[in-house]
Protein backbone atom coordinates (compact mmCIF):
# COMPACT_ATOMS: atom_id res chain seq x y z
CA MET A 1 -18.03 -14.95 45.28
CA SER A 2 -17.33 -18.60 44.64
CA ASN A 3 -18.91 -18.56 41.17
CA PHE A 4 -17.35 -15.34 39.79
CA PHE A 5 -13.79 -15.33 38.41
CA GLU A 6 -11.48 -12.96 36.54
CA VAL A 7 -9.63 -15.23 34.10
CA SER A 8 -5.87 -14.75 34.29
CA SER A 9 -4.62 -17.22 31.65
CA PRO A 10 -5.79 -19.89 29.18
CA SER A 11 -4.85 -22.62 31.67
CA HIS A 12 -6.83 -20.87 34.40
CA PHE A 13 -9.77 -20.63 32.00
CA GLN A 14 -9.66 -24.31 31.07
CA THR A 15 -9.31 -25.41 34.69
CA LEU A 16 -12.36 -23.44 35.80
CA LEU A 17 -14.42 -24.51 32.80
CA SER A 18 -13.59 -28.21 33.23
CA GLU A 19 -14.35 -28.51 36.95
CA ASP A 20 -18.00 -29.38 36.31
CA LEU A 21 -19.08 -30.16 32.74
CA GLN A 22 -22.75 -30.21 33.73
CA ARG A 23 -22.62 -26.66 35.07
CA VAL A 24 -23.86 -23.70 33.05
CA SER A 25 -21.04 -21.23 32.40
CA LEU A 26 -21.32 -17.59 31.36
CA ILE A 27 -18.22 -16.14 29.66
CA ASN A 28 -18.10 -12.36 29.43
CA PHE A 29 -15.62 -11.05 26.84
CA TRP A 30 -15.01 -7.37 27.60
CA ALA A 31 -12.50 -4.53 27.24
CA PRO A 32 -11.82 -1.65 29.65
CA TRP A 33 -11.98 0.98 26.88
CA ALA A 34 -15.45 -0.04 25.62
CA GLU A 35 -18.21 1.99 27.29
CA PRO A 36 -20.95 -0.67 26.79
CA CYS A 37 -18.80 -3.14 28.73
CA LYS A 38 -18.86 -1.00 31.86
CA HIS A 39 -22.63 -1.30 32.18
CA MET A 40 -22.72 -4.95 31.14
CA ASN A 41 -20.02 -5.88 33.67
CA GLU A 42 -22.37 -4.62 36.38
CA VAL A 43 -25.21 -6.65 34.86
CA VAL A 44 -23.02 -9.78 34.81
CA LEU A 45 -22.02 -9.26 38.44
CA GLU A 46 -25.67 -9.00 39.49
CA LEU A 47 -26.56 -12.11 37.49
CA SER A 48 -23.76 -14.03 39.20
CA LYS A 49 -25.33 -13.13 42.55
CA LYS A 50 -28.84 -13.99 41.40
CA TYR A 51 -27.79 -17.36 39.93
CA PRO A 52 -25.11 -18.77 42.29
CA THR A 53 -25.16 -22.17 40.55
CA ILE A 54 -23.71 -20.83 37.28
CA LEU A 55 -20.00 -20.27 36.64
CA VAL A 56 -19.21 -16.70 35.58
CA LEU A 57 -15.89 -16.05 33.82
CA GLN A 58 -14.72 -12.51 33.07
CA VAL A 59 -12.30 -12.55 30.11
CA GLU A 60 -10.57 -9.33 29.06
CA ALA A 61 -10.57 -9.95 25.31
CA GLU A 62 -7.28 -8.30 24.36
CA THR A 63 -5.28 -9.42 27.39
CA GLN A 64 -6.48 -12.99 26.88
CA GLY A 65 -6.18 -12.97 23.09
CA ASP A 66 -5.78 -16.75 22.72
CA ILE A 67 -9.08 -17.36 24.47
CA ALA A 68 -10.85 -14.63 22.50
CA GLU A 69 -9.50 -15.97 19.22
CA SER A 70 -10.65 -19.51 20.00
CA PHE A 71 -14.21 -18.20 20.35
CA GLU A 72 -13.82 -15.92 17.29
CA ILE A 73 -14.63 -12.81 19.31
CA LEU A 74 -14.98 -9.92 16.86
CA SER A 75 -16.39 -7.26 19.18
CA VAL A 76 -17.01 -6.52 22.83
CA PRO A 77 -19.03 -7.14 24.79
CA THR A 78 -19.75 -10.69 23.67
CA PHE A 79 -21.31 -13.30 25.92
CA ILE A 80 -20.98 -17.07 25.56
CA LEU A 81 -23.28 -19.38 27.50
CA LEU A 82 -22.10 -23.00 27.78
CA ARG A 83 -22.90 -26.25 29.49
CA GLY A 84 -19.53 -28.00 29.56
CA HIS A 85 -18.30 -27.46 25.99
CA THR A 86 -21.83 -27.31 24.57
CA LEU A 87 -22.88 -23.95 23.18
CA LEU A 88 -26.20 -22.78 24.59
CA SER A 89 -26.21 -19.15 23.50
CA ARG A 90 -24.01 -16.46 21.93
CA ILE A 91 -24.91 -12.80 22.42
CA GLU A 92 -22.97 -10.00 20.74
CA GLY A 93 -23.50 -6.48 22.05
CA ALA A 94 -24.88 -4.94 25.23
CA ASP A 95 -28.20 -6.81 25.22
CA ALA A 96 -28.89 -7.12 28.95
CA ALA A 97 -32.48 -8.26 28.43
CA ARG A 98 -31.56 -11.19 26.20
CA LEU A 99 -28.63 -12.18 28.43
CA THR A 100 -30.88 -12.24 31.49
CA GLU A 101 -33.55 -14.18 29.59
CA ASP A 102 -31.12 -16.80 28.27
CA ILE A 103 -29.55 -17.41 31.67
CA ALA A 104 -32.97 -17.81 33.25
CA LYS A 105 -34.02 -20.23 30.51
CA HIS A 106 -30.94 -22.42 30.67
CA THR A 107 -30.73 -22.59 34.45
CA ARG A 108 -34.41 -23.33 34.91
CA SER A 109 -34.61 -26.62 33.07
CA PRO A 110 -32.57 -28.99 30.80
CA THR A 111 -31.92 -27.51 27.37
CA HIS A 112 -31.51 -28.73 23.83
CA ALA A 113 -28.08 -27.55 22.79
CA GLN A 114 -27.57 -25.67 19.57
CA SER A 115 -24.37 -27.55 18.85
CA LYS A 116 -21.98 -30.12 20.28
CA THR A 117 -18.24 -30.17 19.66
CA ASP A 118 -14.95 -31.10 21.28
CA ARG A 119 -13.55 -27.75 20.18
CA LEU A 120 -14.42 -24.37 21.61
CA PRO A 121 -17.58 -23.02 19.92
CA ALA A 122 -17.40 -20.41 17.19
CA ALA A 123 -19.85 -18.33 15.24
CA PRO A 124 -21.54 -20.06 12.28
CA PRO A 125 -20.10 -19.18 8.87
CA THR A 126 -21.85 -16.77 6.58
CA LEU A 127 -22.69 -18.07 3.11
CA LEU A 128 -21.12 -16.25 0.18
CA LYS A 129 -23.86 -14.38 -1.70
CA GLU A 130 -21.83 -13.31 -4.72
CA SER A 131 -19.28 -14.79 -7.07
CA GLN A 132 -15.58 -14.38 -6.38
CA GLU A 133 -15.29 -12.07 -9.36
CA GLU A 134 -18.13 -9.89 -8.08
CA LEU A 135 -16.64 -9.84 -4.59
CA ASN A 136 -13.19 -8.82 -5.84
CA LYS A 137 -14.75 -6.03 -7.89
CA ARG A 138 -16.60 -4.78 -4.83
CA LEU A 139 -13.47 -5.01 -2.66
CA ASN A 140 -11.51 -3.01 -5.23
CA ALA A 141 -14.21 -0.32 -5.25
CA LEU A 142 -14.18 -0.14 -1.45
CA MET A 143 -10.39 0.15 -1.40
CA HIS A 144 -10.62 3.11 -3.83
CA GLN A 145 -13.48 4.94 -2.08
CA SER A 146 -10.96 7.59 -0.95
CA ASN A 147 -7.20 8.14 -0.96
CA VAL A 148 -6.89 6.63 2.53
CA VAL A 149 -9.27 3.89 3.65
CA LEU A 150 -9.23 2.08 6.97
CA PHE A 151 -10.93 -1.32 7.16
CA MET A 152 -11.61 -1.69 10.88
CA LYS A 153 -13.89 -3.16 13.51
CA GLY A 154 -16.53 -0.55 14.31
CA SER A 155 -16.26 3.12 13.42
CA PRO A 156 -13.62 5.75 14.23
CA ASP A 157 -15.78 7.19 17.01
CA THR A 158 -16.88 3.79 18.36
CA PRO A 159 -14.15 1.24 17.55
CA GLN A 160 -14.92 -2.36 18.50
CA CYS A 161 -11.38 -3.56 19.18
CA GLY A 162 -8.29 -2.04 20.72
CA PHE A 163 -6.20 -2.44 17.57
CA SER A 164 -8.74 -0.44 15.56
CA ARG A 165 -8.90 2.20 18.30
CA ARG A 166 -5.12 2.61 18.35
CA THR A 167 -4.90 2.80 14.55
CA VAL A 168 -7.56 5.52 14.43
CA GLY A 169 -5.58 7.38 17.09
CA ILE A 170 -2.41 7.23 14.99
CA LEU A 171 -4.20 8.49 11.87
CA ARG A 172 -5.76 11.36 13.78
CA ASP A 173 -2.48 12.23 15.51
CA GLN A 174 -0.83 12.34 12.07
CA GLY A 175 -3.59 14.59 10.73
CA VAL A 176 -4.64 12.06 8.07
CA GLU A 177 -8.07 12.38 6.47
CA PHE A 178 -9.55 8.95 5.86
CA THR A 179 -12.75 7.04 5.28
CA HIS A 180 -13.53 3.72 6.91
CA PHE A 181 -15.40 0.47 6.41
CA ASP A 182 -16.72 -1.57 9.34
CA ILE A 183 -15.77 -5.18 8.50
CA LEU A 184 -18.13 -6.44 11.24
CA THR A 185 -21.05 -5.47 9.00
CA ASP A 186 -20.02 -7.69 6.07
CA GLU A 187 -18.49 -11.14 6.52
CA ASP A 188 -17.75 -11.46 2.79
CA VAL A 189 -15.65 -8.29 2.85
CA ARG A 190 -13.87 -9.39 6.02
CA ALA A 191 -12.96 -12.80 4.59
CA GLY A 192 -12.23 -11.48 1.11
CA LEU A 193 -9.76 -8.82 2.24
CA LYS A 194 -7.78 -11.40 4.21
CA VAL A 195 -7.22 -13.30 0.96
CA LEU A 196 -6.85 -10.33 -1.39
CA ASN A 197 -4.29 -8.52 0.78
CA GLN A 198 -2.73 -11.70 2.16
CA TRP A 199 -3.12 -10.30 5.68
CA PRO A 200 -5.09 -12.27 8.30
CA THR A 201 -6.06 -9.55 10.79
CA PHE A 202 -7.71 -6.15 11.06
CA PRO A 203 -7.45 -3.21 10.89
CA GLN A 204 -6.04 -2.91 7.37
CA LEU A 205 -4.93 0.44 5.98
CA ILE A 206 -5.23 1.19 2.26
CA VAL A 207 -3.51 4.14 0.61
CA ASN A 208 -4.23 4.97 -3.05
CA GLY A 209 -5.86 1.56 -3.45
CA GLU A 210 -2.79 -0.31 -2.16
CA PHE A 211 -2.55 -2.30 1.06
CA VAL A 212 -0.10 -0.70 3.50
CA GLY A 213 -0.39 -2.86 6.60
CA GLY A 214 -1.88 -3.35 10.02
CA LEU A 215 -1.25 -1.58 13.31
CA ASP A 216 2.29 -2.83 13.92
CA ILE A 217 3.48 -1.89 10.43
CA ILE A 218 1.79 1.51 10.59
CA GLN A 219 3.39 2.26 13.95
CA GLU A 220 6.81 1.23 12.67
CA MET A 221 6.41 3.41 9.58
CA VAL A 222 5.45 6.37 11.76
CA ASN A 223 8.56 5.83 13.88
CA THR A 224 10.83 5.76 10.81
CA GLY A 225 9.13 8.68 9.06
CA GLU A 226 8.07 6.51 6.12
CA PHE A 227 4.39 6.87 6.95
CA ALA A 228 4.33 10.65 6.40
CA GLU A 229 5.95 10.16 3.00
CA ILE A 230 3.42 7.54 1.88
CA VAL A 231 0.41 9.47 3.13
CA GLY A 232 1.82 12.69 1.67
CA LYS A 233 1.68 11.15 -1.80
CA ALA A 234 -2.01 10.43 -1.23
């Protein structure tokens, strides 16, 4: 189909998106391991057939990490609806009804955009609801909720990013008992841990209240045997 594309690179993405700045574009951020994406990919394909005037871009979130990061994609599936670089709608999760409704609304008549920017659109910030001292106290309590705590996207049974999924797999393969906290449920915790642990990404593994590292560090420690020693002390 002339309006449906699998994005292969950031330059490919920008070229397709810039061909017609008056055209409505649907960007589908997905991952092959996420079950909800399988159904929603079929929904997106049908919508592309039903609305041939829109541009439909399939972006595999982890393969095209630069694109996903520019849109601050925290989970899959996530859908971005644009006209040019103007954000019309952002839908997180497998909400086929809302996606269908928003596409119908924005292709039926001119719309009033939610925002206008020369940069790629991102999610609006969440206001801090507690003092920094209160937040740090809460973060410390969360980091001590058990001997081994994994701050991740989603839950161990339904991870919302590949890095979290792989980290859970390592912990289970190593026979480690752990609790978890879904950082997608609390923006203050997500932002606060980045500062407190001086580590910009997730997942983050905590052992005995101390930050150990992210996926790459954990994998390296497993390979060297250091991980078993650290977890053994817990």
